[in-house]
Structure formats: structure tokens, C-alpha cells
Amino acid sequence: MNVKNFLIGGIVGGITDFLLGWLFYGILLIDFFPPMKGTENMLFIFLGCMSFGFLISFVFAQGESISKCVPGIKVAAGIGLFMSLCINFFNNMMNETIDVKMMATDVIVSVVLASIVGATIAVTIGKLK
């Protein structure tokens, strides 16, 4: 594994995820996903986004490494799909009523975000070669 590609890709991917999350959840879908009355901890949101960026970068930096846009989109979309399903299932396990529409929307948004993050990391790794 190329550590430089992993670190730079993770940083770029994490920042991309944070900014896109703010755009999608904080602006475009604010009425569908209302804020939790000011209880959000921006540090933990940022650290979560950075963790996701480093996860994708770690996967991409393994072996021959993913360094082209389309393979980056495909692999990251798969990771985003299964991570989002896992998180949504666990987050809703104790709820009496489950908003399936909100869950489905979150899964779709997560796959789109992951795909863009994956493309960004793959192109970044490609430029570092």
C-alpha cells in the first residue's frame, strides 16, 4: 500500500464528504432531514466524514489501487450502499415506527455521496502516480 496515496486520498475524501454532506443534508434536504434542535456535534460529524474518506482511501490504496474515476464510483457506491443499509437498520432497530421513505432516501443520498467521494479519491490517487 502506498501510504502517501492513502493519506492524501483520505484527507481529500473526508473533506469532500463533509462538504457534500453539508450541501445535501444541511441545505438541499433540510426539510426532509430536519436538524436535531442544535444538538449536532460538528467535530464528530467532521471526524465521521474523515473516517469515511480514509476507509474509501484505504480500500483504493490496496493492491493495484483504484486510480480512475469510474472504478472509484463503482467501488465506493457499493461500500456506501452496504454501510448506509447497516447504519439505517441499526439506527431504527428500537423505533416503534419506521419511516421507510426516510430510510430509502438516506440510502440513496449516501450512495450518491459515496460515489462522488470515491471518484474524488480515485482521481486524486491517479494524479499522485
Protein backbone atom coordinates (compact mmCIF):
# COMPACT_ATOMS: atom_id res chain seq x y z
CA MET A 1 0.00 0.00 0.00
CA ASN A 2 1.24 3.45 -0.89
CA VAL A 3 0.91 5.39 2.38
CA LYS A 4 1.15 8.80 0.69
CA ASN A 5 -1.77 7.96 -1.63
CA PHE A 6 -3.76 6.64 1.33
CA LEU A 7 -3.21 9.74 3.48
CA ILE A 8 -3.78 12.34 0.77
CA GLY A 9 -6.75 10.42 -0.66
CA GLY A 10 -8.26 10.09 2.82
CA ILE A 11 -7.94 13.77 3.58
CA VAL A 12 -9.38 14.82 0.19
CA GLY A 13 -12.18 12.25 0.50
CA GLY A 14 -13.05 13.23 4.07
CA ILE A 15 -13.25 16.92 3.25
CA THR A 16 -15.31 16.14 0.14
CA ASP A 17 -17.70 14.01 2.21
CA PHE A 18 -18.05 16.75 4.84
CA LEU A 19 -18.80 19.48 2.29
CA LEU A 20 -21.21 17.31 0.30
CA GLY A 21 -22.97 16.21 3.49
CA TRP A 22 -23.45 19.85 4.42
CA LEU A 23 -24.80 20.56 0.91
CA PHE A 24 -27.18 17.59 0.77
CA TYR A 25 -28.33 17.26 4.38
CA GLY A 26 -27.80 20.84 5.55
CA ILE A 27 -29.18 22.72 2.54
CA LEU A 28 -30.91 20.66 -0.16
CA LEU A 29 -32.75 18.18 2.09
CA ILE A 30 -33.06 20.23 5.28
CA ASP A 31 -36.87 19.96 5.25
CA PHE A 32 -36.73 16.17 4.79
CA PHE A 33 -33.94 15.64 7.36
CA PRO A 34 -34.59 18.40 9.94
CA PRO A 35 -31.75 19.32 12.33
CA MET A 36 -31.87 17.83 15.81
CA LYS A 37 -32.52 21.13 17.67
CA GLY A 38 -28.92 22.26 17.75
CA THR A 39 -27.58 19.09 19.36
CA GLU A 40 -25.27 18.26 16.45
CA ASN A 41 -21.63 17.99 17.35
CA MET A 42 -19.79 19.32 14.29
CA LEU A 43 -16.49 17.84 15.46
CA PHE A 44 -17.94 14.33 15.46
CA ILE A 45 -19.65 14.92 12.12
CA PHE A 46 -16.31 16.04 10.69
CA LEU A 47 -14.47 13.08 12.23
CA GLY A 48 -17.09 10.70 10.85
CA CYS A 49 -16.65 12.18 7.37
CA MET A 50 -12.87 11.92 7.66
CA SER A 51 -13.20 8.29 8.78
CA PHE A 52 -15.31 7.51 5.73
CA GLY A 53 -12.78 9.23 3.47
CA PHE A 54 -9.97 7.19 4.99
CA LEU A 55 -12.00 3.96 4.68
CA ILE A 56 -12.53 4.51 0.96
CA SER A 57 -8.93 5.60 0.51
CA PHE A 58 -7.69 2.51 2.37
CA VAL A 59 -9.68 0.23 0.06
CA PHE A 60 -8.49 2.11 -3.02
CA ALA A 61 -4.83 2.09 -1.97
CA GLN A 62 -4.69 -1.70 -1.60
CA GLY A 63 -3.09 -3.87 -4.27
CA GLU A 64 -3.00 -2.22 -7.68
CA SER A 65 -5.02 0.69 -6.29
CA ILE A 66 -8.07 2.27 -7.84
CA SER A 67 -6.96 5.42 -9.62
CA LYS A 68 -9.61 6.06 -12.28
CA CYS A 69 -12.95 7.81 -11.88
CA VAL A 70 -15.41 5.10 -13.00
CA PRO A 71 -13.94 2.24 -10.96
CA GLY A 72 -13.82 4.63 -7.99
CA ILE A 73 -17.50 5.42 -8.40
CA LYS A 74 -18.47 1.74 -8.64
CA VAL A 75 -16.49 0.51 -5.65
CA ALA A 76 -17.42 3.47 -3.43
CA ALA A 77 -21.11 3.16 -4.37
CA GLY A 78 -21.08 -0.46 -3.21
CA ILE A 79 -19.36 0.45 0.05
CA GLY A 80 -21.75 3.37 0.57
CA LEU A 81 -24.80 1.18 -0.10
CA PHE A 82 -23.92 -1.50 2.42
CA MET A 83 -22.66 0.95 5.05
CA SER A 84 -25.83 3.03 4.75
CA LEU A 85 -28.09 -0.01 4.98
CA CYS A 86 -26.20 -1.23 8.04
CA ILE A 87 -26.34 2.15 9.77
CA ASN A 88 -30.03 2.69 8.97
CA PHE A 89 -31.02 -0.78 10.15
CA PHE A 90 -29.15 -0.38 13.44
CA ASN A 91 -30.40 3.17 13.99
CA ASN A 92 -34.01 2.06 13.56
CA MET A 93 -33.92 -1.21 15.48
CA MET A 94 -35.51 0.30 18.61
CA ASN A 95 -38.08 2.53 16.91
CA GLU A 96 -41.74 1.60 17.20
CA THR A 97 -42.50 3.09 13.81
CA ILE A 98 -40.01 3.15 10.99
CA ASP A 99 -40.09 5.80 8.28
CA VAL A 100 -39.22 3.67 5.27
CA LYS A 101 -39.30 6.68 2.94
CA MET A 102 -36.71 8.49 5.06
CA MET A 103 -34.54 5.38 5.25
CA ALA A 104 -34.70 4.85 1.49
CA THR A 105 -33.89 8.50 0.83
CA ASP A 106 -30.94 8.35 3.20
CA VAL A 107 -29.61 5.22 1.47
CA ILE A 108 -29.90 6.87 -1.96
CA VAL A 109 -28.22 10.08 -0.76
CA SER A 110 -25.48 8.05 0.93
CA VAL A 111 -24.76 6.10 -2.26
CA VAL A 112 -24.57 9.33 -4.26
CA LEU A 113 -22.26 10.92 -1.68
CA ALA A 114 -20.06 7.81 -1.53
CA SER A 115 -19.86 7.70 -5.34
CA ILE A 116 -18.68 11.30 -5.54
CA VAL A 117 -16.21 10.77 -2.69
CA GLY A 118 -14.94 7.62 -4.44
CA ALA A 119 -14.49 9.44 -7.74
CA THR A 120 -12.64 12.26 -5.96
CA ILE A 121 -10.29 9.88 -4.15
CA ALA A 122 -9.64 7.80 -7.28
CA VAL A 123 -8.79 10.88 -9.37
CA THR A 124 -6.58 12.19 -6.54
CA ILE A 125 -4.71 8.88 -6.33
CA GLY A 126 -4.41 8.86 -10.13
CA LYS A 127 -2.83 12.29 -10.12
CA LEU A 128 -0.35 11.27 -7.44
CA LYS A 129 1.04 8.43 -9.55
